[in-house]
Protein backbone atom coordinates (compact mmCIF):
# COMPACT_ATOMS: atom_id res chain seq x y z
CA MET A 1 122.20 76.92 -28.78
CA ILE A 2 119.17 78.99 -29.46
CA VAL A 3 116.01 77.13 -30.58
CA PRO A 4 114.71 78.32 -33.85
CA ILE A 5 111.76 80.93 -33.91
CA GLY A 6 109.15 78.30 -35.24
CA VAL A 7 110.17 76.22 -31.88
CA ALA A 8 109.66 78.83 -29.45
CA ASN A 9 106.21 79.59 -31.03
CA THR A 10 104.95 76.71 -31.24
CA TYR A 11 105.86 75.95 -27.35
CA ASP A 12 105.86 79.30 -25.90
CA ARG A 13 105.97 78.91 -21.98
CA PRO A 14 108.59 79.47 -19.42
CA TYR A 15 110.68 76.99 -18.00
CA ALA A 16 112.29 76.10 -14.47
CA LEU A 17 114.69 73.36 -15.26
CA VAL A 18 115.79 71.84 -12.22
CA ASP A 19 117.42 69.00 -10.31
CA VAL A 20 117.95 67.93 -6.73
CA GLU A 21 120.49 65.67 -4.95
CA THR A 22 118.60 63.64 -2.15
CA THR A 23 119.30 61.81 1.09
CA GLY A 24 117.64 58.81 -0.57
CA LEU A 25 114.51 57.75 -2.67
CA THR A 26 111.01 58.33 -1.00
CA ALA A 27 110.37 61.95 -0.87
CA SER A 28 107.53 61.99 2.14
CA ARG A 29 110.32 60.69 4.38
CA ASP A 30 114.17 61.67 2.73
CA ARG A 31 115.10 65.34 2.09
CA VAL A 32 116.82 67.79 -0.21
CA VAL A 33 120.64 68.00 0.01
CA GLN A 34 121.57 70.16 -3.38
CA ILE A 35 119.37 72.04 -5.58
CA ALA A 36 120.06 74.04 -9.06
CA ILE A 37 117.74 75.98 -10.77
CA ALA A 38 118.08 77.32 -14.34
CA GLN A 39 115.22 79.81 -15.85
CA MET A 40 114.70 79.33 -19.43
CA GLU A 41 112.90 81.38 -22.00
CA PRO A 42 110.42 79.62 -24.57
CA ASN A 43 113.72 80.71 -26.94
CA GLY A 44 116.24 78.99 -25.12
CA VAL A 45 118.15 81.23 -23.42
CA VAL A 46 118.62 81.10 -19.90
CA THR A 47 118.05 84.71 -17.98
CA ASP A 48 118.62 83.40 -14.44
CA GLN A 49 120.32 80.17 -12.92
CA TRP A 50 121.19 79.36 -9.26
CA SER A 51 122.31 76.72 -6.95
CA THR A 52 122.86 75.67 -3.29
CA LEU A 53 123.77 73.14 -1.01
CA ILE A 54 120.93 72.18 2.33
CA ASP A 55 120.89 70.98 5.35
CA PRO A 56 118.40 68.12 5.46
CA GLU A 57 118.88 68.05 9.26
CA ARG A 58 119.84 64.83 8.73
CA ASP A 59 122.33 62.13 7.57
CA PRO A 60 123.31 63.27 3.99
CA GLY A 61 122.55 59.59 2.70
CA PRO A 62 124.38 58.25 -0.33
CA VAL A 63 127.72 59.90 -0.51
CA GLU A 64 129.09 57.66 -2.89
CA ILE A 65 126.34 58.71 -5.48
CA HIS A 66 126.01 62.63 -4.78
CA GLY A 67 129.73 63.20 -3.19
CA ILE A 68 127.95 65.68 -0.54
CA THR A 69 129.38 65.13 3.01
CA ARG A 70 128.62 66.16 6.68
CA ALA A 71 131.67 68.55 6.39
CA ARG A 72 130.34 70.09 2.64
CA LEU A 73 126.80 70.90 4.61
CA ARG A 74 128.36 72.49 7.28
CA GLY A 75 126.96 76.07 7.58
CA ALA A 76 124.31 75.05 4.83
CA PRO A 77 121.03 76.63 4.65
CA ARG A 78 117.64 74.95 5.57
CA TYR A 79 115.36 74.27 3.01
CA ALA A 80 112.69 76.65 4.60
CA ASP A 81 115.68 79.83 4.69
CA VAL A 82 116.23 79.77 0.80
CA ALA A 83 112.30 78.40 -0.11
CA PRO A 84 111.63 81.83 -0.67
CA ARG A 85 114.18 82.34 -3.49
CA ILE A 86 113.43 78.86 -5.10
CA HIS A 87 110.07 79.49 -5.32
CA GLU A 88 110.54 82.87 -6.97
CA MET A 89 112.84 81.01 -9.62
CA LEU A 90 109.81 78.29 -9.92
CA SER A 91 106.64 80.64 -9.84
CA LEU A 92 104.49 80.88 -12.85
CA ARG A 93 106.73 78.38 -15.27
CA VAL A 94 106.84 74.86 -16.50
CA VAL A 95 108.78 72.81 -14.31
CA VAL A 96 111.48 70.95 -15.92
CA ALA A 97 113.78 67.58 -14.55
CA HIS A 98 114.76 64.52 -15.39
CA ASN A 99 112.32 61.46 -14.22
CA ALA A 100 110.54 64.69 -13.08
CA ARG A 101 108.49 62.94 -10.80
CA PHE A 102 111.13 62.44 -8.38
CA ASP A 103 111.71 65.88 -8.28
CA TRP A 104 109.02 67.51 -8.33
CA ASP A 105 107.67 65.36 -4.81
CA PHE A 106 110.71 65.86 -2.99
CA LEU A 107 110.27 70.14 -3.81
CA ALA A 108 106.27 69.55 -3.01
CA HIS A 109 106.95 67.63 0.31
CA GLU A 110 110.20 70.36 0.91
CA ALA A 111 107.56 73.45 0.50
CA HIS A 112 104.81 71.86 2.28
CA ARG A 113 106.90 70.79 5.53
CA ALA A 114 108.44 74.59 5.45
CA GLY A 115 105.05 75.84 5.70
CA HIS A 116 104.61 77.35 2.00
CA ARG A 117 102.48 76.64 -1.22
CA PHE A 118 104.27 75.18 -4.10
CA PRO A 119 103.90 77.99 -6.48
CA ALA A 120 103.85 75.57 -9.60
CA ASP A 121 101.24 73.61 -11.22
CA THR A 122 102.81 72.37 -14.42
CA ARG A 123 105.88 69.87 -15.22
CA LEU A 124 107.67 68.21 -18.06
CA CYS A 125 110.03 64.96 -18.25
CA THR A 126 112.66 65.45 -20.13
CA CYS A 127 113.10 61.42 -19.84
CA GLN A 128 109.14 60.74 -20.68
CA LEU A 129 110.10 62.90 -23.78
CA SER A 130 112.53 61.19 -24.85
CA GLN A 131 111.14 57.92 -24.38
CA ARG A 132 108.16 59.69 -26.35
CA PHE A 133 110.74 60.27 -29.61
CA ASP A 134 111.68 56.48 -29.32
CA LEU A 135 115.27 57.63 -29.41
CA PRO A 136 117.76 54.84 -30.41
CA VAL A 137 119.05 54.45 -27.05
CA ALA A 138 120.03 51.36 -24.70
CA ASP A 139 118.37 53.05 -21.60
CA PHE A 140 117.03 56.62 -20.87
CA ARG A 141 119.55 57.53 -17.88
CA LEU A 142 120.22 61.15 -18.55
CA ALA A 143 124.08 60.40 -19.26
CA SER A 144 122.72 57.98 -22.10
CA LEU A 145 121.21 61.10 -23.78
CA CYS A 146 123.83 63.19 -23.12
CA ASP A 147 125.67 60.65 -25.20
CA TYR A 148 123.41 60.04 -28.11
CA TRP A 149 123.30 64.75 -28.27
CA GLY A 150 126.77 65.00 -27.90
CA ILE A 151 126.43 67.00 -24.42
CA LYS A 152 129.30 66.45 -22.14
CA GLN A 153 128.65 65.95 -18.51
CA HIS A 154 131.94 66.99 -16.09
CA ARG A 155 130.23 66.48 -12.79
CA ALA A 156 127.34 63.36 -12.68
CA HIS A 157 124.95 63.87 -9.78
CA ASP A 158 126.55 66.99 -9.18
CA ALA A 159 122.81 69.34 -9.01
CA GLU A 160 124.52 71.90 -10.88
CA ASP A 161 126.25 70.42 -13.98
CA ASP A 162 122.95 67.97 -14.54
CA VAL A 163 120.99 71.29 -14.43
CA ARG A 164 123.93 72.65 -17.03
CA ALA A 165 123.31 69.64 -19.02
CA LEU A 166 119.37 69.28 -18.68
CA VAL A 167 119.38 72.95 -20.55
CA GLU A 168 121.04 71.27 -23.95
CA LEU A 169 119.41 68.09 -23.70
CA THR A 170 115.76 70.28 -23.21
CA ARG A 171 117.02 72.48 -26.04
CA HIS A 172 117.35 69.51 -28.19
CA SER A 173 114.23 67.87 -27.46
CA LEU A 174 111.78 71.36 -28.12
CA ALA A 175 113.68 71.12 -31.59
CA LEU A 176 113.12 67.72 -32.02
CA ALA A 177 109.18 67.73 -30.30
CA HIS A 178 108.32 70.81 -33.20
CA ARG A 179 110.25 68.47 -36.31
CA LEU A 180 108.16 65.28 -35.03
CA GLY A 181 104.98 67.61 -34.55
CA LEU A 182 104.69 66.50 -31.06
CA PRO A 183 102.37 67.74 -27.99
CA LEU A 184 104.89 68.02 -24.78
CA PRO A 185 103.80 65.62 -22.34
CA TYR A 186 102.87 68.74 -19.97
CA ALA A 187 101.46 66.96 -16.54
CA ARG A 188 99.78 68.67 -14.50
CA PRO A 189 99.88 66.81 -10.55
CA ARG A 190 97.50 66.44 -7.95
CA PRO A 191 98.42 69.69 -5.29
CA LEU A 192 100.33 68.16 -2.07
CA GLY A 193 97.93 67.85 0.82
CA GLY A 194 94.97 68.37 -1.78
CA TYR A 195 93.75 65.18 -0.41
CA PRO A 196 93.41 63.79 2.94
CA PRO A 197 96.81 61.26 3.50
CA VAL A 198 96.55 57.89 3.25
CA ALA A 199 98.53 55.67 5.91
CA PRO A 200 100.36 52.67 5.11
CA ARG A 201 98.37 49.41 5.54
CA THR A 202 99.32 45.63 5.72
CA PRO A 203 96.95 43.71 3.89
CA CYS A 204 94.32 41.83 5.69
CA MET A 205 94.87 38.59 6.40
CA TRP A 206 91.66 37.28 6.76
CA ARG A 207 88.37 37.25 5.00
CA TYR A 208 85.67 39.64 4.87
CA PRO A 209 82.75 38.30 7.34
CA GLY A 210 79.93 41.06 7.10
CA ARG A 211 78.57 43.93 7.71
CA HIS A 212 78.96 44.60 11.93
CA VAL A 213 75.56 44.43 13.97
CA PRO A 214 75.33 47.35 16.78
CA GLY A 215 75.62 45.82 20.17
CA GLN A 216 77.78 42.73 18.77
CA PRO A 217 81.55 42.23 18.65
CA LEU A 218 83.96 42.87 15.39
CA ARG A 219 85.15 40.09 13.88
CA GLN A 220 88.77 39.74 12.23
CA GLY A 221 88.45 41.12 8.46
CA MET A 222 85.88 43.21 9.16
CA THR A 223 86.51 46.25 7.05
CA VAL A 224 86.64 49.63 8.92
CA VAL A 225 86.62 53.61 7.95
CA PHE A 226 87.58 56.50 9.73
CA THR A 227 85.92 59.95 8.92
CA GLY A 228 86.45 63.95 10.49
CA GLN A 229 88.58 64.12 13.45
CA THR A 230 89.97 61.69 16.36
CA HIS A 231 91.35 62.11 18.94
CA ARG A 232 94.03 59.82 18.63
CA ASP A 233 96.74 59.73 16.00
CA ARG A 234 95.14 58.67 12.68
CA ALA A 235 97.92 56.27 12.06
CA MET A 236 98.19 54.88 15.25
CA LEU A 237 94.45 54.07 14.76
CA ILE A 238 94.71 52.22 11.33
CA GLU A 239 97.78 50.37 12.94
CA THR A 240 95.91 49.55 16.22
CA ALA A 241 93.14 47.99 14.23
CA THR A 242 95.38 46.06 11.78
CA ARG A 243 97.43 44.29 14.41
CA CYS A 244 93.77 43.14 15.99
CA GLY A 245 92.95 41.64 12.39
CA LEU A 246 90.30 44.46 11.41
CA ASP A 247 90.47 45.88 7.55
CA VAL A 248 91.33 49.83 7.22
CA MET A 249 89.46 51.12 4.32
CA ASN A 250 90.00 55.13 2.41
CA SER A 251 86.21 55.14 1.15
CA VAL A 252 82.79 53.54 2.13
CA SER A 253 80.94 51.28 0.30
CA SER A 254 77.95 48.35 0.79
CA ARG A 255 80.84 45.91 2.00
CA THR A 256 81.90 48.13 4.63
CA SER A 257 81.28 46.79 8.10
CA VAL A 258 82.17 49.91 10.15
CA LEU A 259 82.36 53.92 10.45
CA VAL A 260 83.86 55.37 13.16
CA SER A 261 83.22 59.09 13.49
CA ASN A 262 83.28 61.15 16.38
CA GLY A 263 79.65 62.64 15.92
CA GLU A 264 80.50 64.29 12.53
CA LEU A 265 77.83 62.87 10.56
CA GLY A 266 78.33 65.41 7.35
CA THR A 267 80.71 64.33 5.70
CA ARG A 268 80.32 62.54 2.56
CA LYS A 269 81.52 59.21 4.46
CA ALA A 270 78.95 59.28 6.54
CA ASP A 271 76.35 60.02 4.13
CA LEU A 272 77.41 56.89 2.29
CA ALA A 273 77.41 54.69 5.45
CA LEU A 274 73.72 56.20 6.44
CA LYS A 275 72.90 55.01 3.05
CA HIS A 276 74.27 51.46 3.09
CA GLY A 277 73.23 50.77 6.84
CA THR A 278 76.12 50.88 7.85
CA SER A 279 77.00 50.28 11.82
CA LEU A 280 78.25 53.68 12.94
CA MET A 281 80.24 54.01 16.32
CA THR A 282 82.19 56.85 17.84
CA GLU A 283 86.42 56.61 18.74
CA GLU A 284 86.06 55.27 22.25
CA GLN A 285 83.54 52.83 21.56
CA PHE A 286 85.48 51.54 19.29
CA MET A 287 88.70 51.44 20.86
CA GLY A 288 86.26 49.59 23.65
CA LEU A 289 85.83 46.59 21.16
CA LEU A 290 89.34 45.61 20.45
CA ASP A 291 90.03 44.20 23.45
CA SER A 292 87.14 41.63 22.21
CA VAL A 293 87.21 40.73 18.49
CA GLU A 294 86.52 37.29 17.52
CA PRO A 295 88.56 35.26 15.39
CA GLY A 296 88.15 35.61 11.53
CA ASP A 297 88.51 32.59 8.81
CA PRO A 298 92.21 33.10 7.10
CA ARG A 299 92.07 34.42 3.72
CA THR A 300 94.75 31.86 2.00
CA MET A 301 97.67 33.98 1.07
CA ALA A 302 99.73 32.66 -2.49
CA GLN A 303 103.75 32.27 -1.58
CA VAL A 304 105.52 35.95 -2.68
CA VAL A 305 107.91 34.90 -5.47
CA VAL A 306 110.78 37.14 -5.04
CA GLN A 307 113.77 34.62 -6.66
CA THR A 308 116.09 35.86 -9.50
CA MET A 309 113.85 36.41 -12.85
CA PRO A 310 114.80 33.76 -15.82
CA ASP A 311 115.69 35.33 -19.21
CA ALA A 312 112.78 36.30 -21.22
CA VAL A 313 111.35 34.10 -24.12
CA PRO A 314 109.00 35.45 -26.67
CA VAL A 315 106.07 33.47 -27.47
CA LEU A 316 103.75 35.46 -30.23
CA SER A 317 100.94 34.38 -32.17
CA PRO A 318 101.42 33.63 -35.40
CA PRO A 319 100.73 36.00 -38.13
CA ARG A 320 97.15 34.60 -39.62
CA PRO A 321 97.89 34.27 -43.65
CA ARG A 322 95.75 37.29 -45.66
CA ALA A 323 95.99 37.65 -49.41
CA LYS A 324 97.37 40.94 -50.97
CA VAL A 325 100.04 41.94 -48.50
CA ALA A 326 103.80 42.03 -48.67
CA ALA A 327 105.49 38.85 -47.27
CA PRO A 328 106.47 38.13 -44.22
CA GLY A 329 109.99 39.31 -43.14
CA ARG A 330 109.28 42.50 -45.38
CA PHE A 331 108.47 44.72 -42.66
CA SER A 332 110.34 43.28 -39.76
CA ARG A 333 112.12 46.67 -39.16
CA ARG A 334 109.59 48.36 -40.11
CA ARG A 335 107.51 50.78 -38.10
CA VAL A 336 104.08 52.61 -39.59
CA ILE A 337 101.97 54.99 -38.84
CA ILE A 338 98.54 55.45 -40.60
CA LEU A 339 96.81 59.27 -41.18
CA GLY A 340 93.15 59.69 -42.13
CA GLY A 341 90.53 57.58 -42.76
CA SER A 342 87.73 55.94 -40.30
CA HIS A 343 88.65 53.79 -36.97
CA ASP A 344 87.75 51.02 -38.72
CA GLU A 345 90.15 51.23 -41.96
CA ALA A 346 92.80 52.40 -39.98
CA ALA A 347 92.49 49.58 -37.34
CA ASP A 348 92.46 47.06 -40.43
CA VAL A 349 95.85 48.39 -41.92
CA ARG A 350 97.29 48.40 -38.52
CA THR A 351 96.20 44.53 -37.96
CA ARG A 352 98.09 43.73 -41.35
CA VAL A 353 101.30 45.65 -40.88
CA GLN A 354 101.64 43.35 -37.81
CA GLU A 355 100.73 40.50 -39.33
CA VAL A 356 103.90 40.39 -41.66
CA GLY A 357 105.99 41.82 -38.18
CA GLY A 358 105.71 45.23 -38.98
CA THR A 359 104.87 48.02 -35.85
CA CYS A 360 102.58 50.79 -35.83
CA ALA A 361 103.42 53.78 -34.34
CA VAL A 362 100.23 56.12 -32.94
CA ASN A 363 102.72 59.37 -33.14
CA LEU A 364 105.65 60.14 -35.38
CA THR A 365 109.06 59.02 -33.81
CA VAL A 366 112.13 58.98 -34.89
CA THR A 367 111.57 54.99 -35.37
CA VAL A 368 108.92 55.49 -37.86
CA THR A 369 109.80 54.14 -41.14
CA ASP A 370 106.95 54.21 -43.07
CA PHE A 371 103.35 56.09 -43.52
CA VAL A 372 100.00 54.91 -44.76
CA ALA A 373 97.61 57.74 -46.13
CA LEU A 374 93.83 57.15 -46.15
CA ALA A 375 91.08 59.41 -47.03
CA ASP A 376 91.62 62.94 -45.72
CA ALA A 377 95.23 62.36 -44.43
CA GLU A 378 96.06 65.93 -45.73
CA LYS A 379 93.72 67.42 -42.45
CA ASP A 380 95.96 65.50 -40.43
CA ALA A 381 98.64 68.36 -38.94
CA ARG A 382 101.57 65.54 -39.04
CA ILE A 383 101.40 64.94 -42.63
CA SER A 384 103.46 67.36 -43.58
CA LYS A 385 106.03 66.19 -40.88
CA VAL A 386 105.97 63.14 -42.39
CA LYS A 387 106.78 64.43 -45.75
CA ASP A 388 109.53 66.75 -44.30
CA ARG A 389 111.01 63.17 -43.43
CA ALA A 390 110.70 61.96 -46.38
CA LEU A 391 108.82 58.46 -44.85
CA THR A 392 108.09 55.75 -47.73
CA GLU A 393 104.84 56.14 -48.86
CA LEU A 394 102.62 52.38 -48.57
CA ASP A 395 99.51 51.32 -50.48
CA PRO A 396 96.64 50.91 -48.11
CA VAL A 397 95.37 47.62 -49.52
CA THR A 398 99.15 46.26 -51.00
CA LEU A 399 101.52 47.82 -48.58
CA GLU A 400 104.08 48.13 -51.02
CA PRO A 401 105.53 51.46 -52.14
CA VAL A 402 103.28 54.02 -53.98
CA GLY A 403 104.96 54.98 -57.35
CA ALA A 404 108.51 55.55 -57.03
CA SER A 405 108.85 55.53 -53.51
CA GLN A 406 111.87 53.40 -51.85
CA PRO A 407 111.92 51.80 -48.76
CA SER A 408 112.94 54.54 -46.10
CA ALA A 409 116.41 54.08 -44.85
CA ASN A 410 115.72 55.49 -41.60
CA ASP A 411 118.98 55.54 -39.53
CA GLU A 412 117.29 55.59 -36.40
CA ALA A 413 115.04 52.87 -36.98
CA GLN A 414 118.38 50.84 -38.13
CA GLN A 415 120.25 51.63 -34.83
CA LEU A 416 117.21 49.96 -33.17
CA ASP A 417 118.52 46.45 -34.80
CA SER A 418 120.54 45.40 -32.40
CA VAL A 419 117.49 46.33 -29.73
CA ASP A 420 116.03 42.85 -29.20
CA VAL A 421 112.30 44.58 -28.95
CA VAL A 422 109.20 41.82 -28.40
CA SER A 423 106.42 43.66 -30.66
CA LEU A 424 102.91 41.87 -29.68
CA PRO A 425 100.14 41.51 -31.62
CA ARG A 426 96.53 41.42 -29.86
CA GLY A 427 97.22 38.46 -27.50
CA GLY A 428 100.36 37.60 -27.77
CA VAL A 429 102.68 37.08 -24.87
CA THR A 430 106.27 37.56 -23.81
CA ASP A 431 108.38 36.87 -20.40
CA ILE A 432 109.83 39.93 -18.88
CA ALA A 433 113.09 39.48 -17.05
CA HIS A 434 112.34 42.35 -14.67
CA LEU A 435 110.12 42.56 -11.13
CA ASP A 436 110.31 46.11 -11.22
CA PHE A 437 109.16 47.92 -14.60
CA THR A 438 106.48 50.72 -16.37
CA VAL A 439 103.80 49.95 -18.57
CA ILE A 440 102.84 53.39 -20.54
CA ALA A 441 99.85 53.83 -22.61
CA THR A 442 99.86 56.69 -25.04
CA TRP A 443 97.31 57.90 -27.07
CA VAL A 444 96.65 60.74 -29.05
CA ALA A 445 94.26 63.20 -27.20
CA ALA A 446 91.15 64.78 -28.57
CA GLU A 447 89.09 67.14 -26.78
CA ALA A 448 85.98 66.33 -28.25
CA VAL A 449 86.63 62.19 -26.52
CA GLY A 450 86.88 63.50 -23.22
CA GLU A 451 89.12 62.55 -20.93
CA VAL A 452 90.86 58.69 -21.64
CA ASP A 453 91.11 56.89 -17.44
CA VAL A 454 93.77 54.04 -16.90
CA VAL A 455 93.20 51.93 -14.38
CA ALA A 456 94.59 48.70 -12.42
CA PHE A 457 92.78 45.49 -11.05
CA VAL A 458 94.54 43.49 -8.75
CA THR A 459 92.81 40.06 -8.81
CA ASP A 460 92.22 36.93 -6.90
CA PRO A 461 92.22 33.35 -8.36
CA THR A 462 88.47 33.88 -8.98
CA GLY A 463 89.43 36.67 -11.17
CA SER A 464 87.80 39.39 -8.79
CA VAL A 465 89.42 41.48 -6.73
CA ALA A 466 89.45 41.34 -3.06
CA ARG A 467 89.15 44.77 -1.59
CA ASP A 468 88.25 47.54 -2.31
CA GLU A 469 92.26 48.72 -2.00
CA ASP A 470 92.56 46.57 -5.35
CA PHE A 471 91.45 48.36 -7.97
CA CYS A 472 93.94 51.57 -8.67
CA PHE A 473 92.41 54.48 -10.62
CA TYR A 474 92.53 58.11 -10.37
CA ASN A 475 91.70 58.79 -6.87
CA GLN A 476 93.24 55.38 -5.40
CA PRO A 477 96.68 55.29 -7.70
CA THR A 478 99.17 53.17 -5.56
CA HIS A 479 98.07 49.49 -4.28
CA PRO A 480 99.04 49.46 -0.39
CA THR A 481 101.58 46.87 -0.97
CA GLY A 482 103.41 49.03 -3.41
CA LEU A 483 102.34 46.55 -6.29
CA VAL A 484 100.87 49.07 -8.81
CA ASP A 485 101.29 52.87 -9.11
CA LEU A 486 99.55 55.01 -11.49
CA ASP A 487 100.96 58.39 -12.76
CA LEU A 488 97.91 60.08 -14.46
CA ALA A 489 99.01 63.37 -14.70
CA THR A 490 99.64 63.91 -18.73
CA PRO A 491 96.23 64.00 -20.34
CA ASP A 492 97.51 61.70 -23.43
CA GLN A 493 99.39 59.26 -21.10
CA ALA A 494 99.35 57.05 -18.52
CA SER A 495 102.21 55.63 -16.79
CA VAL A 496 101.65 52.24 -14.15
CA ASP A 497 104.27 50.98 -12.45
CA VAL A 498 104.98 47.76 -11.59
CA ARG A 499 106.65 46.29 -8.35
CA ALA A 500 105.62 42.12 -9.55
CA GLY A 501 108.23 41.49 -6.14
CA ALA A 502 104.99 41.92 -4.25
CA LEU A 503 102.34 39.66 -7.12
CA PRO A 504 101.33 36.46 -5.20
CA ILE A 505 101.78 33.73 -8.12
CA ASP A 506 97.79 32.65 -8.12
CA SER A 507 97.17 36.79 -8.65
CA ARG A 508 97.72 38.97 -11.14
CA ILE A 509 96.95 42.62 -12.71
CA THR A 510 94.78 43.67 -15.36
CA LEU A 511 95.36 47.10 -16.82
CA ALA A 512 92.11 48.45 -18.82
CA THR A 513 91.26 51.74 -20.13
CA ALA A 514 87.54 53.66 -20.28
CA ILE A 515 86.61 56.64 -21.98
CA ASP A 516 85.03 59.53 -19.74
CA GLY A 517 82.58 61.16 -22.20
CA ASP A 518 80.46 60.79 -25.08
CA GLY A 519 82.95 59.33 -27.09
CA THR A 520 83.95 56.47 -28.08
CA PHE A 521 86.93 54.25 -29.63
CA GLY A 522 86.07 55.29 -32.83
CA ASP A 523 86.46 58.68 -32.06
CA LEU A 524 90.45 58.39 -30.11
CA GLY A 525 92.17 55.70 -32.68
CA ALA A 526 94.39 53.01 -31.09
CA ILE A 527 96.70 52.93 -28.12
CA GLU A 528 100.07 52.28 -27.80
CA LEU A 529 101.69 50.06 -25.44
CA SER A 530 104.82 49.81 -24.11
CA VAL A 531 106.48 48.51 -21.36
CA ARG A 532 110.22 49.92 -20.19
CA SER A 533 112.26 48.63 -17.08
CA SER A 534 113.41 50.84 -14.36
CA ASP A 535 116.29 52.68 -16.55
CA GLY A 536 113.53 53.52 -19.63
CA SER A 537 114.71 51.01 -21.99
CA LEU A 538 112.55 49.49 -24.28
CA LEU A 539 111.44 45.55 -23.47
CA ALA A 540 107.98 44.91 -25.38
CA ARG A 541 105.75 47.25 -27.05
CA ALA A 542 101.99 46.84 -28.54
CA THR A 543 99.47 49.12 -30.67
CA LEU A 544 95.74 48.33 -29.63
CA ASP A 545 92.67 48.77 -31.48
CA ALA A 546 88.94 48.85 -29.71
CA ALA A 547 85.66 48.72 -32.34
CA ALA A 548 84.34 51.73 -33.10
CA ASP A 549 80.93 51.95 -30.48
CA GLU A 550 83.32 50.78 -27.80
CA THR A 551 84.04 52.74 -24.32
CA SER A 552 86.25 50.84 -22.47
CA MET A 553 89.50 48.20 -23.58
CA LEU A 554 91.52 45.66 -21.58
CA LEU A 555 95.04 46.95 -22.48
CA ALA A 556 96.98 44.25 -20.98
CA GLU A 557 97.82 41.72 -18.13
CA VAL A 558 100.96 40.96 -15.71
CA TYR A 559 100.61 37.11 -14.15
CA TRP A 560 103.40 34.74 -13.47
CA ARG A 561 103.53 31.30 -15.50
CA ASN A 562 105.61 28.57 -14.12
CA GLY A 563 108.07 30.56 -12.21
CA ALA A 564 108.50 33.10 -14.76
CA LEU A 565 106.46 36.90 -14.94
CA ARG A 566 104.68 37.27 -18.14
CA PHE A 567 102.65 39.90 -19.55
CA ARG A 568 99.92 39.54 -22.08
CA ALA A 569 98.39 42.58 -24.88
CA ILE A 570 94.86 41.74 -24.41
CA GLY A 571 92.78 44.90 -26.76
CA GLN A 572 89.43 43.28 -26.06
CA GLY A 573 86.94 46.23 -26.34
CA TYR A 574 83.46 46.59 -24.67
CA GLN A 575 80.44 49.26 -24.61
CA ARG A 576 80.27 49.93 -20.85
CA ARG A 577 82.34 53.00 -19.10
CA LEU A 578 84.65 52.67 -16.42
CA ALA A 579 82.05 51.76 -13.97
CA GLY A 580 80.29 49.12 -15.32
CA LEU A 581 83.85 47.11 -16.48
CA ALA A 582 84.76 47.85 -13.17
CA VAL A 583 81.55 46.06 -11.69
CA GLY A 584 82.52 42.80 -13.74
CA TYR A 585 85.49 42.41 -11.53
CA GLY A 586 84.07 42.37 -8.48
CA VAL A 587 84.61 46.14 -7.51
CA ASP A 588 81.36 47.72 -5.81
CA ILE A 589 81.15 51.12 -7.06
CA GLU A 590 80.08 54.60 -5.31
CA GLU A 591 79.71 57.97 -6.81
CA ASP A 592 83.33 58.75 -6.54
CA VAL A 593 84.08 56.31 -8.99
CA GLU A 594 82.01 57.29 -11.03
């Protein structure tokens, strides 16, 4: 299959399609044992392909999955031996993979170990793209998508065969994206090594006692920050300090008790410490105080829940009665996109669609059944795509079909009838029967708006963060416990991986968004949330609007209630930027968060 010329002209970047098999799941620790790459041009033509086994210089890992034994690896090259060939094939191309973050992270770490600069700066995930289409599949594993498109797989978890299937999947996906008028969700991850590595830490068991006074002993719970070069291994210093009951942080704030520096006072951390009057000491002075750390006050640590999850039980807010709308039930399987109009007009229509059981889409997907055209809808580039799909046009006041329009018989949408997906209104809640899941926020990117930041607050029973690391944002995307991990590399989407087994029963995760720039939600429009299991299956969704003049919004929260894990869509907007929102949760804001 060669993609149509219109597709090639719209998505005109060359691609390198990649699959790796590995010894495990952690890129910083595990290794690649097989790689396959196919170079594909914008027109869908494959111009070069290559694969090889790779000696991981350790046990090959899950042989029962990838089938690569020590015997098969005998005589295989090391990654460093083939790095020039790999990087030649990736150079100046968009790296395409299924679950692309996984493959990208492994290749970036392998390049770093081999002493090479990773040659690509953009990736495209076919799993993420397929989810954006809202394809009616039970899950988004490569095998499921191959079944959907009629692509034959001969050897699952073989990198060479997976790339062959990936080529066909990518061609189908490019063509469908063009039919729907969707931009591709290109991601530009931070380069590995572009920021100082953060050593893993254990959450501090002791309450924060305040700042250190020079000449006095340290006390358990005091916060410590290291800056500059250290004589001892940094990870060892962190481990030793943590074992003594100190709370090691990655950034300086007004709550920092001690800054450890071997005379390097020109660093940004040192400048902030001087500004706040933080106690400064050398590495040797710090080590000398560790033998006499005073006992602190224990922090109340709630029980971590790891039991088997109960079945999900939808608990939805009932729709409010409203005049001049179609009868409830009419929209129970309808998905509507609103084009044109002011922000307030579009938000009003979305609210009324949701009140009668329908759902609203931010982007045109295969499951959209109807559309509402408000003022200036013809200026929206998607209007032609909507009409090409022969969707039902609805009257913006009555929500009845316009003129002779009949309800759309969207085959893909009807296939979703058997899928139990909870649609949440503002304030609606549902129980999630998975400890590990992902919350995806999607919006229509507009350059005039500015960047859209998505953040997470891990709060204690008081509703505030207990420490700096409980605020996850673009400079600190991962919570030290692994509870939250943000993927913010895509301009019009943010993914939040939640590992709820680490969430104490009296704490909660609050997700929020803020516009960085002069824009407001009146410029940006709605944000669509989808909650997906680890295999990509859709568990719940919500479409949220803030007021036209608001610049930040609480999106959702995750918490335990009566032994069940609960997800609540919030949709509360504020006339504050990110810094103001964070301060309200007890975050001590510094310049690097602004």
